[in-house]
Each structure stands twice: as structure tokens, then as C-alpha cells.
């Protein structure tokens, strides 16, 4: 058994505070912390993704739409669909990102 915490989890290789909490099989779990105004530009990936909002408010962009999200919201986006997220709230935005390969 291995326990990952935000302090010991591997940092993801981009310029935001993202931590790889789990990676194995066909799943990866990333904890993202976005400060006010932080953004992941719209992009697409060859895997499904689930965004679960832990704390804060933000906007998720996908396939030409924008969705306002807040704590305890869950959004599924299919592989190859464009997606992006911005912290459009007034405080920190914490998101669990589940990548399904």
C-alpha cells in the first residue's frame, strides 16, 4: 500500500500546481490547484477525462461551450474533445482530474 499526499506526490510537468496522486493501469488522478486567473488553455487529448471540483469556482470550456462550475460538481469530457479550465472565482480552485486511458 502506498499513500500519496500533496506534499509527496509527483509534480506534473507544467507551470501550475498539479500533483499526480495516482497513476496505474488505465487511470491517472491529478490534483490541480489554480489561483485566481490561472488557466489551462483549451486543448484536446486522446483520453476521457472527469473533472471533480473540490473547492472554489471556475469555468470549464469544452467543444465551444463554457460551463460555470463550483465545489461538488463533476464533469465528464470524452477523448479528443477540446477542453480547458480557468479559475474565474474569487479564491483558490481545487480540482481532481481523472484521466481514463
N, C-alpha and C. Protein backbone atom coordinates (compact mmCIF):
# COMPACT_ATOMS: atom_id res chain seq x y z
N UNK A 1 0.85 -1.17 0.00
CA UNK A 1 0.00 0.00 0.00
C UNK A 1 0.89 1.23 0.00
N UNK A 2 0.51 2.22 -0.79
CA UNK A 2 1.26 3.47 -0.88
C UNK A 2 0.28 4.63 -0.76
N UNK A 3 0.59 5.56 0.10
CA UNK A 3 -0.27 6.73 0.30
C UNK A 3 0.41 7.94 -0.34
N UNK A 4 -0.34 8.65 -1.16
CA UNK A 4 0.16 9.88 -1.77
C UNK A 4 -0.48 11.06 -1.06
N UNK A 5 0.32 12.07 -0.80
CA UNK A 5 -0.19 13.33 -0.25
C UNK A 5 0.23 14.45 -1.20
N UNK A 6 -0.36 15.59 -1.04
CA UNK A 6 0.03 16.73 -1.89
C UNK A 6 1.50 17.07 -1.72
N UNK A 7 2.07 16.74 -0.56
CA UNK A 7 3.46 17.08 -0.29
C UNK A 7 4.45 16.11 -0.91
N UNK A 8 4.05 14.83 -1.10
CA UNK A 8 5.00 13.87 -1.65
C UNK A 8 4.64 13.40 -3.06
N UNK A 9 3.52 13.84 -3.60
CA UNK A 9 3.11 13.41 -4.94
C UNK A 9 3.96 14.10 -6.01
N UNK A 10 4.22 13.37 -7.08
CA UNK A 10 5.00 13.89 -8.20
C UNK A 10 4.31 15.09 -8.83
N UNK A 11 5.09 16.15 -9.08
CA UNK A 11 4.55 17.34 -9.72
C UNK A 11 4.39 17.08 -11.21
N UNK A 12 3.28 17.55 -11.78
CA UNK A 12 3.08 17.41 -13.22
C UNK A 12 3.94 18.43 -13.96
N UNK A 13 4.36 18.10 -15.18
CA UNK A 13 5.34 18.95 -15.87
C UNK A 13 4.73 20.14 -16.62
N UNK A 14 3.99 20.98 -15.91
CA UNK A 14 3.57 22.25 -16.50
C UNK A 14 3.55 23.30 -15.41
N UNK A 15 3.27 24.53 -15.78
CA UNK A 15 3.52 25.67 -14.92
C UNK A 15 2.42 25.98 -13.91
N UNK A 16 1.61 25.00 -13.52
CA UNK A 16 0.61 25.17 -12.47
C UNK A 16 0.89 24.16 -11.38
N UNK A 17 0.21 24.31 -10.25
CA UNK A 17 0.40 23.35 -9.16
C UNK A 17 -0.48 22.14 -9.38
N UNK A 18 0.06 21.16 -10.08
CA UNK A 18 -0.62 19.90 -10.33
C UNK A 18 0.18 18.78 -9.73
N UNK A 19 -0.48 17.85 -9.05
CA UNK A 19 0.20 16.73 -8.40
C UNK A 19 -0.42 15.42 -8.85
N UNK A 20 0.43 14.49 -9.26
CA UNK A 20 -0.02 13.17 -9.69
C UNK A 20 -0.26 12.32 -8.44
N UNK A 21 -1.52 12.15 -8.08
CA UNK A 21 -1.88 11.44 -6.86
C UNK A 21 -1.89 9.92 -7.07
N UNK A 22 -2.18 9.50 -8.30
CA UNK A 22 -2.22 8.07 -8.63
C UNK A 22 -2.00 7.90 -10.12
N UNK A 23 -1.25 6.86 -10.48
CA UNK A 23 -1.08 6.51 -11.87
C UNK A 23 -0.91 5.00 -11.96
N UNK A 24 -1.79 4.35 -12.69
CA UNK A 24 -1.69 2.91 -12.83
C UNK A 24 -2.77 2.39 -13.75
N UNK A 25 -2.45 1.32 -14.43
CA UNK A 25 -3.44 0.73 -15.33
C UNK A 25 -3.91 1.73 -16.36
N UNK A 26 -5.20 1.95 -16.41
CA UNK A 26 -5.79 2.85 -17.40
C UNK A 26 -6.30 4.15 -16.78
N UNK A 27 -5.76 4.49 -15.59
CA UNK A 27 -6.26 5.66 -14.88
C UNK A 27 -5.12 6.49 -14.29
N UNK A 28 -5.31 7.79 -14.30
CA UNK A 28 -4.39 8.69 -13.62
C UNK A 28 -5.23 9.73 -12.90
N UNK A 29 -4.84 10.07 -11.68
CA UNK A 29 -5.56 11.04 -10.85
C UNK A 29 -4.62 12.20 -10.55
N UNK A 30 -5.04 13.40 -10.97
CA UNK A 30 -4.25 14.61 -10.78
C UNK A 30 -5.02 15.57 -9.88
N UNK A 31 -4.34 16.13 -8.89
CA UNK A 31 -4.91 17.19 -8.05
C UNK A 31 -4.37 18.52 -8.56
N UNK A 32 -5.25 19.39 -9.02
CA UNK A 32 -4.85 20.72 -9.52
C UNK A 32 -5.26 21.79 -8.54
N UNK A 33 -4.38 22.73 -8.32
CA UNK A 33 -4.70 23.93 -7.56
C UNK A 33 -4.47 25.11 -8.47
N UNK A 34 -5.54 25.86 -8.75
CA UNK A 34 -5.44 27.03 -9.61
C UNK A 34 -5.78 28.27 -8.79
N UNK A 35 -4.89 29.24 -8.82
CA UNK A 35 -5.16 30.51 -8.17
C UNK A 35 -6.04 31.36 -9.07
N UNK A 36 -6.60 32.43 -8.53
CA UNK A 36 -7.48 33.30 -9.31
C UNK A 36 -6.79 33.70 -10.61
N UNK A 37 -7.49 33.47 -11.73
CA UNK A 37 -6.97 33.82 -13.04
C UNK A 37 -6.12 32.75 -13.70
N UNK A 38 -5.66 31.74 -12.94
CA UNK A 38 -4.89 30.65 -13.55
C UNK A 38 -5.75 29.92 -14.56
N UNK A 39 -5.09 29.39 -15.59
CA UNK A 39 -5.84 28.80 -16.69
C UNK A 39 -5.05 27.66 -17.33
N UNK A 40 -5.77 26.66 -17.76
CA UNK A 40 -5.23 25.65 -18.67
C UNK A 40 -5.94 25.90 -19.99
N UNK A 41 -5.17 26.28 -20.99
CA UNK A 41 -5.73 26.64 -22.29
C UNK A 41 -6.49 25.47 -22.90
N UNK A 42 -7.45 25.78 -23.75
CA UNK A 42 -8.23 24.76 -24.44
C UNK A 42 -7.29 23.91 -25.28
N UNK A 43 -7.43 22.61 -25.13
CA UNK A 43 -6.60 21.63 -25.84
C UNK A 43 -7.40 20.33 -25.92
N UNK A 44 -6.90 19.37 -26.65
CA UNK A 44 -7.56 18.06 -26.67
C UNK A 44 -6.54 16.98 -26.36
N UNK A 45 -7.02 15.85 -25.86
CA UNK A 45 -6.18 14.72 -25.51
C UNK A 45 -6.84 13.43 -25.97
N UNK A 46 -6.04 12.39 -26.18
CA UNK A 46 -6.59 11.12 -26.66
C UNK A 46 -7.11 10.23 -25.53
N UNK A 47 -7.70 10.84 -24.49
CA UNK A 47 -8.27 10.08 -23.38
C UNK A 47 -9.47 10.83 -22.80
N UNK A 48 -10.39 10.07 -22.20
CA UNK A 48 -11.52 10.67 -21.48
C UNK A 48 -11.01 11.34 -20.22
N UNK A 49 -11.74 12.33 -19.75
CA UNK A 49 -11.36 13.00 -18.51
C UNK A 49 -12.61 13.34 -17.70
N UNK A 50 -12.46 13.23 -16.39
CA UNK A 50 -13.50 13.65 -15.45
C UNK A 50 -12.89 14.74 -14.58
N UNK A 51 -13.58 15.87 -14.49
CA UNK A 51 -13.19 16.94 -13.57
C UNK A 51 -14.13 16.90 -12.38
N UNK A 52 -13.59 16.80 -11.18
CA UNK A 52 -14.41 16.89 -9.97
C UNK A 52 -13.91 18.10 -9.19
N UNK A 53 -14.79 19.07 -8.98
CA UNK A 53 -14.42 20.32 -8.32
C UNK A 53 -14.48 20.11 -6.80
N UNK A 54 -13.34 20.24 -6.17
CA UNK A 54 -13.25 20.08 -4.72
C UNK A 54 -13.59 21.37 -3.98
N UNK A 55 -13.10 22.48 -4.53
CA UNK A 55 -13.23 23.76 -3.82
C UNK A 55 -13.17 24.89 -4.84
N UNK A 56 -13.94 25.94 -4.61
CA UNK A 56 -13.87 27.13 -5.43
C UNK A 56 -14.85 27.12 -6.59
N UNK A 57 -14.61 28.07 -7.48
CA UNK A 57 -15.45 28.25 -8.66
C UNK A 57 -14.56 28.46 -9.88
N UNK A 58 -15.06 28.02 -11.02
CA UNK A 58 -14.29 28.20 -12.24
C UNK A 58 -15.17 28.04 -13.45
N UNK A 59 -14.51 28.09 -14.60
CA UNK A 59 -15.19 27.89 -15.88
C UNK A 59 -14.46 26.80 -16.64
N UNK A 60 -15.22 25.82 -17.11
CA UNK A 60 -14.67 24.77 -17.96
C UNK A 60 -15.18 25.00 -19.37
N UNK A 61 -14.25 24.93 -20.31
CA UNK A 61 -14.57 25.11 -21.71
C UNK A 61 -14.45 23.76 -22.40
N UNK A 62 -15.44 23.42 -23.22
CA UNK A 62 -15.38 22.18 -23.99
C UNK A 62 -16.29 22.28 -25.21
N UNK A 63 -15.72 21.95 -26.32
CA UNK A 63 -16.49 21.83 -27.56
C UNK A 63 -17.33 23.07 -27.86
N UNK A 64 -16.73 24.25 -27.64
CA UNK A 64 -17.42 25.51 -27.94
C UNK A 64 -18.36 26.01 -26.86
N UNK A 65 -18.48 25.28 -25.76
CA UNK A 65 -19.34 25.69 -24.65
C UNK A 65 -18.49 26.09 -23.45
N UNK A 66 -19.06 26.90 -22.58
CA UNK A 66 -18.43 27.20 -21.29
C UNK A 66 -19.42 26.89 -20.19
N UNK A 67 -18.92 26.23 -19.16
CA UNK A 67 -19.76 25.83 -18.02
C UNK A 67 -19.19 26.41 -16.74
N UNK A 68 -20.01 27.11 -15.98
CA UNK A 68 -19.59 27.56 -14.67
C UNK A 68 -19.69 26.39 -13.71
N UNK A 69 -18.64 26.15 -12.94
CA UNK A 69 -18.61 25.02 -12.02
C UNK A 69 -18.24 25.51 -10.63
N UNK A 70 -18.66 24.74 -9.65
CA UNK A 70 -18.33 25.04 -8.26
C UNK A 70 -18.13 23.75 -7.50
N UNK A 71 -17.77 23.86 -6.23
CA UNK A 71 -17.49 22.68 -5.41
C UNK A 71 -18.59 21.64 -5.53
N UNK A 72 -18.16 20.39 -5.59
CA UNK A 72 -19.04 19.21 -5.68
C UNK A 72 -19.72 19.06 -7.03
N UNK A 73 -19.15 19.68 -8.07
CA UNK A 73 -19.59 19.48 -9.45
C UNK A 73 -18.68 18.45 -10.10
N UNK A 74 -19.25 17.67 -11.01
CA UNK A 74 -18.49 16.65 -11.73
C UNK A 74 -18.82 16.76 -13.22
N UNK A 75 -17.78 16.80 -14.06
CA UNK A 75 -17.96 16.97 -15.49
C UNK A 75 -17.15 15.91 -16.22
N UNK A 76 -17.78 15.23 -17.16
CA UNK A 76 -17.11 14.22 -17.99
C UNK A 76 -16.93 14.78 -19.39
N UNK A 77 -15.73 14.64 -19.94
CA UNK A 77 -15.46 15.08 -21.31
C UNK A 77 -14.78 13.93 -22.06
N UNK A 78 -15.35 13.59 -23.19
CA UNK A 78 -14.84 12.48 -24.00
C UNK A 78 -13.48 12.79 -24.61
N UNK A 79 -12.75 11.72 -24.93
CA UNK A 79 -11.45 11.87 -25.57
C UNK A 79 -11.57 12.65 -26.88
N UNK A 80 -10.51 13.33 -27.21
CA UNK A 80 -10.38 14.12 -28.44
C UNK A 80 -11.27 15.36 -28.49
N UNK A 81 -12.08 15.61 -27.45
CA UNK A 81 -12.89 16.83 -27.39
C UNK A 81 -12.04 17.94 -26.78
N UNK A 82 -12.13 19.15 -27.31
CA UNK A 82 -11.38 20.26 -26.71
C UNK A 82 -11.85 20.52 -25.29
N UNK A 83 -10.90 20.90 -24.44
CA UNK A 83 -11.21 21.17 -23.04
C UNK A 83 -10.21 22.17 -22.47
N UNK A 84 -10.66 22.95 -21.53
CA UNK A 84 -9.81 23.90 -20.83
C UNK A 84 -10.51 24.32 -19.57
N UNK A 85 -9.78 24.96 -18.67
CA UNK A 85 -10.36 25.40 -17.40
C UNK A 85 -9.67 26.68 -16.94
N UNK A 86 -10.44 27.55 -16.33
CA UNK A 86 -9.89 28.78 -15.76
C UNK A 86 -10.53 29.00 -14.39
N UNK A 87 -9.72 29.49 -13.47
CA UNK A 87 -10.26 29.88 -12.17
C UNK A 87 -10.86 31.27 -12.35
N UNK A 88 -12.17 31.32 -12.48
CA UNK A 88 -12.87 32.58 -12.67
C UNK A 88 -13.54 33.04 -11.37
N UNK A 89 -13.21 32.38 -10.28
CA UNK A 89 -13.78 32.72 -8.99
C UNK A 89 -12.94 33.73 -8.24
N UNK A 90 -13.22 33.86 -6.95
CA UNK A 90 -12.53 34.85 -6.10
C UNK A 90 -11.51 34.22 -5.17
N UNK A 91 -11.41 32.89 -5.17
CA UNK A 91 -10.47 32.19 -4.30
C UNK A 91 -9.84 31.04 -5.06
N UNK A 92 -9.15 30.20 -4.33
CA UNK A 92 -8.47 29.06 -4.93
C UNK A 92 -9.48 28.08 -5.54
N UNK A 93 -9.09 27.45 -6.63
CA UNK A 93 -9.90 26.42 -7.27
C UNK A 93 -9.11 25.12 -7.20
N UNK A 94 -9.68 24.11 -6.55
CA UNK A 94 -9.03 22.80 -6.45
C UNK A 94 -9.88 21.79 -7.21
N UNK A 95 -9.20 21.04 -8.08
CA UNK A 95 -9.88 20.12 -8.99
C UNK A 95 -9.17 18.78 -8.99
N UNK A 96 -9.95 17.70 -8.90
CA UNK A 96 -9.41 16.37 -9.17
C UNK A 96 -9.69 16.06 -10.63
N UNK A 97 -8.65 15.68 -11.33
CA UNK A 97 -8.76 15.33 -12.75
C UNK A 97 -8.49 13.84 -12.87
N UNK A 98 -9.47 13.11 -13.37
CA UNK A 98 -9.31 11.67 -13.58
C UNK A 98 -9.16 11.45 -15.07
N UNK A 99 -7.98 10.95 -15.45
CA UNK A 99 -7.72 10.64 -16.85
C UNK A 99 -7.98 9.14 -17.04
N UNK A 100 -8.76 8.81 -18.05
CA UNK A 100 -9.10 7.42 -18.32
C UNK A 100 -8.55 7.07 -19.69
N UNK A 101 -7.51 6.24 -19.72
CA UNK A 101 -6.82 5.89 -20.96
C UNK A 101 -7.45 4.69 -21.63
